[in-house]
Structures are given as structure tokens and as C-alpha cells.
Amino acid sequence: MGELQYIDWLRKRTPPDPRVLLGPGDDTAILRAPAAGQWLATTDMLLEGTHFRLGEVSARQVGRKALAVNLSDIAAMAGRPVAALVSLGLPQSGASLAEEVYLGLREMADAFQTAIVGGDTNAWNGGLVVSVTLLGEVSERGAVTRGGARPGDWLLVTGPLGGSILGKHLDFTPRVREALELHRHADLHAMIDISDGLAADVGHLCEESRCGVVLRAADIPISDAAQQLRDGKSALDHALGDGEDFELAFAVSAADGAKLLREQPIAGVRVSRVGEFVADTGMWLEDDGKRRPLAARGFQHQLS
């Protein structure tokens, strides 16, 4: 199947969307501007050999995750996804891969009312590469950034955390709906999705908000998967540093935090308080009444 045949195959499987005035097939797509007048834009790339290995995961799972990680970024801003552009680098014998990747993308797109409006496809001598750029729109209450946490705010998470390597990293549900629901119930001061690990990503909140945080070990919700791992690390270490949980960590006032804990407004997802923001910069872990510095931990790509 050549590129033109693949594009034709895609167009026949791309449903119409009222937000898309012109979809795949032309030099660019044409989209209606969001009512609030502000776009959200994010992009992420998955590389065979670094993020996945075909044979261990299916191409459909790769496609699903490629869109899901971008949806999680939109969730972190308490936004609504609108349209995705997808670029594929395909192995020379990748025709069936291309179809399966699209079906995985389509699954996520349909679940979160996201239009796939175009992209690019190339064949090469390397492995499968999937790059997604996702556009979203801010909600009526505006975007939630990383930079608004204040000393005295509570740090809450949707959970539980850790052990994603046992399967969650492939089949997680982006917290788009949950973020919007939280945004309706509380004044979210700052928020991030937990992609690199709780300790790493909360560190980003602290850096952008110019404050610090104390995490309480006893309050961190730990997943059953993290409890099952037997690799010399504690379940708490996994909850702090595994990454790819794709839950939300967010800052709210103490009053709003108490309200969220009391009301638990998200059906099927429990909100937990795991710490408090403080004026001194840095991160600390409080365990058994003792407080010690907590280094950022989690996944980082290394450049030589």
C-alpha cells in the first residue's frame, strides 16, 4: 500500500466533526476557532526501541497510547481536546502496522471526541515512530498551569500510583473528564499529569510556583501493582518514581481540598491528599514523624 492509498484508507474511516471545516486531504486542515479564543497545543513522540517493542506490545496499543499521552497533557490544563495531527515513520514493510496504529488512535479519538485532521506518513529503514500533535481548547474557567501553587495549599492526586510497568502504561485512561469535573468543583491553583513520576512532576509544580512541598508517605495512595513488584524497591519508592501513572497532581486551598476529600465528586476515582505546599523551596518526605529531603526522581531522557 502506497502513501496515497493509505491516505485514502484513512479518509474513509475519519468521521465528520462540526469543529472541522476541512479535514484530511488538503495541504492543511481548517478548524473552527474555540469559543474562548484560546488554543492548547501539545505534542509527544513514541519511538520503537525506546518507548515500546513490537512483539511485546501491539501496534494498536502503540496508537492508543500515542494519543492518550497527549490527551493527558490536555487534562493537566483542565482543557478539552479538539483535533490531532499524526505523523508516522513506518518500517518499509509497515502497511499492516499503519492500519493497526490508526485503529488504536481512533479508539482514543472516539472516546474523547477528538478529530484526527491530518498528519504525515513516511517509510524508512528504522522502527516504528508515532508523533501526535494535539490541539485543545480551554474551559470556561480558563487553563490551569503549573505555576499557581501557594504556600498552605494542599497537594492532591487522583490515584493510586506506581507499578505502571505491569500494564497501566499501555491502557490508562487520560483524566480529561476528571480534570474538568475537578475544575467545576474547586479553584485549581496548579496541576500536572504524572508522567515521569510523582516526585519528579511535583518538583515541576514547585519550580514553576516558586515554593516547596512536603509529601506525607503514609498518605500516598499506592497501587496493587506497585505492591506486587519484587525488584528491591519498596512500594512507596515505586509510587514516588515509577512514572507513566498519568494521574493528576494538583494544588488547591485547604478549604477546597477538604471539600474535595469530603465529597469525592469523581465517580470511580478517589482523590487523596498527599502533602502541602510550603514557602521554602525544595521537596521533603515525611515518614514516621521524620522529615527528610526528597530528590526529584523518575524518568528522564539522557542526551550525550
Protein backbone atom coordinates (compact mmCIF):
# COMPACT_ATOMS: atom_id res chain seq x y z
CA MET A 1 0.00 0.00 0.00
CA GLY A 2 1.45 3.36 -1.03
CA GLU A 3 1.10 6.63 0.85
CA LEU A 4 -1.79 7.84 -1.30
CA GLN A 5 -3.68 4.60 -0.82
CA TYR A 6 -3.11 4.85 2.94
CA ILE A 7 -4.42 8.43 2.99
CA ASP A 8 -7.50 7.32 1.08
CA TRP A 9 -7.98 4.46 3.55
CA LEU A 10 -7.73 6.94 6.44
CA ARG A 11 -10.17 9.43 4.93
CA LYS A 12 -12.81 6.75 4.50
CA ARG A 13 -12.52 5.97 8.22
CA THR A 14 -12.47 9.55 9.51
CA PRO A 15 -15.92 10.65 10.64
CA PRO A 16 -17.11 14.24 10.12
CA ASP A 17 -16.84 16.67 13.02
CA PRO A 18 -18.63 20.03 13.31
CA ARG A 19 -15.42 21.65 14.60
CA VAL A 20 -13.55 20.62 11.43
CA LEU A 21 -14.37 22.73 8.38
CA LEU A 22 -11.83 20.88 6.21
CA GLY A 23 -10.21 17.63 7.24
CA PRO A 24 -7.57 15.29 5.79
CA GLY A 25 -6.84 15.56 2.08
CA ASP A 26 -5.73 19.16 1.58
CA ASP A 27 -2.49 20.95 2.49
CA THR A 28 -3.86 21.89 5.91
CA ALA A 29 -6.96 21.29 7.94
CA ILE A 30 -9.34 24.15 8.73
CA LEU A 31 -10.78 24.28 12.25
CA ARG A 32 -13.34 26.48 13.93
CA ALA A 33 -11.74 28.75 16.50
CA PRO A 34 -12.58 27.86 20.11
CA ALA A 35 -15.32 29.89 21.75
CA ALA A 36 -12.93 31.05 24.48
CA GLY A 37 -10.45 32.23 21.85
CA GLN A 38 -7.52 30.23 23.26
CA TRP A 39 -5.94 27.06 21.91
CA LEU A 40 -3.99 24.49 23.90
CA ALA A 41 -1.25 22.72 21.92
CA THR A 42 0.91 19.73 22.89
CA THR A 43 2.97 17.07 21.13
CA ASP A 44 4.54 13.75 22.02
CA MET A 45 6.51 11.09 20.15
CA LEU A 46 6.80 7.33 20.70
CA LEU A 47 9.89 5.54 19.35
CA GLU A 48 10.24 1.81 18.83
CA GLY A 49 13.12 0.56 20.96
CA THR A 50 12.83 3.40 23.46
CA HIS A 51 9.14 3.59 24.41
CA PHE A 52 7.94 0.18 23.19
CA ARG A 53 9.00 -3.03 21.48
CA LEU A 54 6.73 -4.51 18.85
CA GLY A 55 6.18 -8.15 19.71
CA GLU A 56 5.79 -7.21 23.36
CA VAL A 57 3.02 -4.71 22.53
CA SER A 58 0.72 -4.43 19.53
CA ALA A 59 0.73 -1.61 17.01
CA ARG A 60 -2.84 -0.86 18.06
CA GLN A 61 -1.70 -0.38 21.66
CA VAL A 62 1.03 1.95 20.42
CA GLY A 63 -1.52 4.03 18.52
CA ARG A 64 -3.82 4.15 21.52
CA LYS A 65 -1.03 5.30 23.83
CA ALA A 66 0.32 7.85 21.34
CA LEU A 67 -2.92 9.81 21.52
CA ALA A 68 -3.58 9.05 25.19
CA VAL A 69 -0.35 10.67 26.41
CA ASN A 70 -1.30 13.87 24.58
CA LEU A 71 -4.82 13.75 25.96
CA SER A 72 -3.27 13.52 29.42
CA ASP A 73 -1.43 16.80 28.77
CA ILE A 74 -4.70 18.48 27.81
CA ALA A 75 -6.22 17.09 31.01
CA ALA A 76 -3.37 18.64 33.01
CA MET A 77 -4.51 22.06 31.78
CA ALA A 78 -8.18 21.23 32.53
CA GLY A 79 -8.89 21.62 28.82
CA ARG A 80 -10.96 19.89 26.19
CA PRO A 81 -9.29 18.05 23.27
CA VAL A 82 -10.29 19.15 19.78
CA ALA A 83 -8.09 17.88 16.96
CA ALA A 84 -5.00 15.75 16.41
CA LEU A 85 -2.31 15.67 13.73
CA VAL A 86 -0.45 12.36 13.43
CA SER A 87 2.93 11.69 11.80
CA LEU A 88 4.14 8.13 11.25
CA GLY A 89 7.60 6.82 10.48
CA LEU A 90 6.93 3.31 9.21
CA PRO A 91 9.28 0.39 8.57
CA GLN A 92 9.45 -0.47 4.87
CA SER A 93 7.10 -3.42 5.41
CA GLY A 94 4.76 -1.43 7.63
CA ALA A 95 1.41 -1.38 5.76
CA SER A 96 -0.41 -3.51 8.32
CA LEU A 97 1.28 -1.57 11.14
CA ALA A 98 -0.09 1.67 9.72
CA GLU A 99 -3.64 0.36 9.79
CA GLU A 100 -3.33 -1.00 13.31
CA VAL A 101 -1.78 2.21 14.64
CA TYR A 102 -4.66 4.19 13.19
CA LEU A 103 -7.24 1.87 14.77
CA GLY A 104 -5.60 2.44 18.17
CA LEU A 105 -5.61 6.19 17.60
CA ARG A 106 -9.23 6.01 16.50
CA GLU A 107 -10.21 4.21 19.73
CA MET A 108 -8.87 7.08 21.85
CA ALA A 109 -10.14 9.75 19.48
CA ASP A 110 -13.69 8.40 19.60
CA ALA A 111 -13.61 8.01 23.39
CA PHE A 112 -12.60 11.64 23.88
CA GLN A 113 -14.40 13.36 20.99
CA THR A 114 -11.16 14.21 19.21
CA ALA A 115 -10.97 14.77 15.46
CA ILE A 116 -7.97 13.35 13.57
CA VAL A 117 -7.46 16.04 10.92
CA GLY A 118 -4.23 15.13 9.14
CA GLY A 119 -0.52 14.49 9.50
CA ASP A 120 2.27 12.84 7.53
CA THR A 121 3.42 9.33 6.66
CA ASN A 122 6.92 8.22 5.67
CA ALA A 123 8.60 4.85 5.19
CA TRP A 124 12.19 4.39 6.33
CA ASN A 125 14.73 1.75 7.37
CA GLY A 126 14.19 2.18 11.10
CA GLY A 127 11.50 1.13 13.53
CA LEU A 128 8.00 2.48 14.07
CA VAL A 129 7.74 6.14 15.11
CA VAL A 130 4.44 7.79 16.04
CA SER A 131 4.26 11.54 16.70
CA VAL A 132 1.00 13.22 17.68
CA THR A 133 0.28 16.93 17.95
CA LEU A 134 -2.96 17.64 19.78
CA LEU A 135 -4.94 20.87 19.89
CA GLY A 136 -7.40 21.61 22.65
CA GLU A 137 -9.45 24.47 24.00
CA VAL A 138 -9.57 25.98 27.46
CA SER A 139 -12.66 25.51 29.59
CA GLU A 140 -14.88 28.34 30.74
CA ARG A 141 -12.76 28.72 33.89
CA GLY A 142 -9.51 29.02 31.92
CA ALA A 143 -6.37 26.92 31.72
CA VAL A 144 -4.69 25.52 34.85
CA THR A 145 -0.90 25.91 34.67
CA ARG A 146 1.92 24.55 36.80
CA GLY A 147 2.74 27.94 38.27
CA GLY A 148 -0.09 28.80 40.67
CA ALA A 149 0.56 26.74 43.82
CA ARG A 150 0.84 28.78 47.03
CA PRO A 151 2.27 28.03 50.48
CA GLY A 152 -0.52 26.46 52.52
CA ASP A 153 -2.17 24.84 49.50
CA TRP A 154 -2.87 21.13 49.71
CA LEU A 155 -1.38 18.74 47.16
CA LEU A 156 -3.96 16.22 45.97
CA VAL A 157 -3.76 13.38 43.47
CA THR A 158 -6.09 11.14 41.61
CA GLY A 159 -4.68 7.70 42.25
CA PRO A 160 -3.38 5.18 43.06
CA LEU A 161 0.27 5.38 41.95
CA GLY A 162 3.16 3.12 40.98
CA GLY A 163 3.66 -0.15 39.16
CA SER A 164 2.53 1.10 35.77
CA ILE A 165 5.02 -1.25 34.05
CA LEU A 166 2.65 -4.12 34.81
CA GLY A 167 0.16 -2.79 32.28
CA LYS A 168 -1.23 0.61 33.16
CA HIS A 169 1.33 2.43 30.99
CA LEU A 170 -0.43 0.97 27.95
CA ASP A 171 -4.11 1.01 28.92
CA PHE A 172 -4.51 4.07 31.17
CA THR A 173 -7.47 6.40 30.86
CA PRO A 174 -6.45 10.05 30.36
CA ARG A 175 -8.06 12.12 33.12
CA VAL A 176 -9.72 14.62 30.78
CA ARG A 177 -13.22 14.28 32.23
CA GLU A 178 -11.90 14.12 35.77
CA ALA A 179 -9.92 17.35 35.35
CA LEU A 180 -12.96 19.20 34.05
CA GLU A 181 -15.04 17.87 36.95
CA LEU A 182 -12.41 18.96 39.48
CA HIS A 183 -12.28 22.36 37.79
CA ARG A 184 -16.03 22.73 38.29
CA HIS A 185 -15.87 21.81 41.97
CA ALA A 186 -12.76 23.70 43.08
CA ASP A 187 -10.40 26.54 42.24
CA LEU A 188 -7.43 24.61 40.89
CA HIS A 189 -4.31 26.67 41.56
CA ALA A 190 -1.85 24.42 39.66
CA MET A 191 -1.89 20.99 38.06
CA ILE A 192 0.28 18.46 36.21
CA ASP A 193 -0.19 14.95 34.91
CA ILE A 194 2.07 12.33 36.48
CA SER A 195 4.05 11.05 33.52
CA ASP A 196 7.62 10.97 34.85
CA GLY A 197 6.84 10.08 38.47
CA LEU A 198 5.15 11.80 41.43
CA ALA A 199 8.38 13.16 42.91
CA ALA A 200 9.61 14.42 39.53
CA ASP A 201 6.37 16.02 38.42
CA VAL A 202 5.53 17.64 41.76
CA GLY A 203 9.02 19.08 41.55
CA HIS A 204 7.93 20.82 38.34
CA LEU A 205 4.95 22.32 40.20
CA CYS A 206 7.30 23.61 42.90
CA GLU A 207 9.76 25.03 40.40
CA GLU A 208 7.13 26.88 38.39
CA SER A 209 5.27 28.03 41.52
CA ARG A 210 8.47 29.05 43.35
CA CYS A 211 7.63 27.21 46.53
CA GLY A 212 8.28 23.84 48.13
CA VAL A 213 6.28 20.82 49.21
CA VAL A 214 6.11 18.28 52.00
CA LEU A 215 4.85 14.85 50.93
CA ARG A 216 3.46 12.52 53.59
CA ALA A 217 4.45 8.92 52.93
CA ALA A 218 1.52 7.44 54.81
CA ASP A 219 -0.99 9.34 52.67
CA ILE A 220 0.35 8.47 49.21
CA PRO A 221 -2.08 6.04 47.54
CA ILE A 222 -0.12 3.02 46.31
CA SER A 223 -1.44 0.75 43.57
CA ASP A 224 -1.80 -3.01 43.88
CA ALA A 225 0.67 -3.32 41.00
CA ALA A 226 3.34 -1.44 42.96
CA GLN A 227 2.74 -3.77 45.91
CA GLN A 228 3.30 -6.78 43.66
CA LEU A 229 6.68 -5.77 42.24
CA ARG A 230 9.69 -7.62 43.64
CA ASP A 231 12.73 -5.74 42.42
CA GLY A 232 14.36 -4.48 45.62
CA LYS A 233 12.38 -1.24 45.69
CA SER A 234 9.63 -0.54 48.18
CA ALA A 235 6.06 0.03 47.04
CA LEU A 236 6.46 3.64 48.20
CA ASP A 237 9.55 4.07 46.01
CA HIS A 238 7.51 2.85 43.05
CA ALA A 239 4.68 5.26 43.84
CA LEU A 240 7.15 8.15 44.03
CA GLY A 241 9.25 7.39 41.00
CA ASP A 242 7.83 4.90 38.51
CA GLY A 243 6.12 7.35 36.18
CA GLU A 244 3.54 6.71 33.47
CA ASP A 245 0.71 6.71 36.01
CA PHE A 246 -0.96 9.53 34.05
CA GLU A 247 -2.94 10.57 37.12
CA LEU A 248 -3.31 14.23 38.09
CA ALA A 249 -1.43 16.06 40.85
CA PHE A 250 -2.92 19.43 41.73
CA ALA A 251 -2.84 22.29 44.22
CA VAL A 252 -5.94 23.69 45.90
CA SER A 253 -6.65 25.75 49.00
CA ALA A 254 -7.09 23.87 52.26
CA ALA A 255 -10.81 24.67 52.20
CA ASP A 256 -11.28 23.35 48.66
CA GLY A 257 -9.11 20.34 49.46
CA ALA A 258 -11.24 19.43 52.46
CA LYS A 259 -14.36 19.79 50.32
CA LEU A 260 -13.00 17.51 47.61
CA LEU A 261 -11.95 14.87 50.13
CA ARG A 262 -15.35 15.01 51.79
CA GLU A 263 -17.47 14.98 48.64
CA GLN A 264 -15.26 12.82 46.38
CA PRO A 265 -17.04 14.23 43.30
CA ILE A 266 -15.48 11.92 40.67
CA ALA A 267 -17.31 8.61 40.34
CA GLY A 268 -14.86 5.70 40.33
CA VAL A 269 -11.76 7.82 41.04
CA ARG A 270 -10.66 8.62 44.57
CA VAL A 271 -8.95 11.93 45.31
CA SER A 272 -6.26 11.80 48.03
CA ARG A 273 -4.32 14.45 49.88
CA VAL A 274 -0.60 13.62 49.76
CA GLY A 275 1.05 16.78 51.04
CA GLU A 276 1.16 20.51 51.50
CA PHE A 277 2.99 23.32 49.72
CA VAL A 278 5.36 25.41 51.84
CA ALA A 279 7.22 28.68 51.40
CA ASP A 280 10.75 27.18 51.47
CA THR A 281 11.80 25.85 48.09
CA GLY A 282 12.56 22.14 47.86
CA MET A 283 10.80 18.85 48.49
CA TRP A 284 10.60 16.81 51.67
CA LEU A 285 9.18 13.40 52.54
CA GLU A 286 7.63 12.98 55.99
CA ASP A 287 7.67 9.35 57.17
CA ASP A 288 7.10 8.03 60.71
CA GLY A 289 7.29 11.54 62.09
CA LYS A 290 10.66 12.26 60.46
CA ARG A 291 11.15 14.70 57.60
CA ARG A 292 13.96 14.28 55.08
CA PRO A 293 14.83 15.97 51.78
CA LEU A 294 13.30 14.28 48.77
CA ALA A 295 15.20 14.34 45.50
CA ALA A 296 13.29 14.51 42.23
CA ARG A 297 13.12 11.01 40.85
CA GLY A 298 11.54 9.49 37.80
CA PHE A 299 12.27 9.04 34.12
CA GLN A 300 14.46 11.43 32.13
CA HIS A 301 15.76 11.09 28.58
CA GLN A 302 19.54 11.48 28.62
CA LEU A 303 21.41 13.36 25.89
CA SER A 304 25.13 12.71 25.42
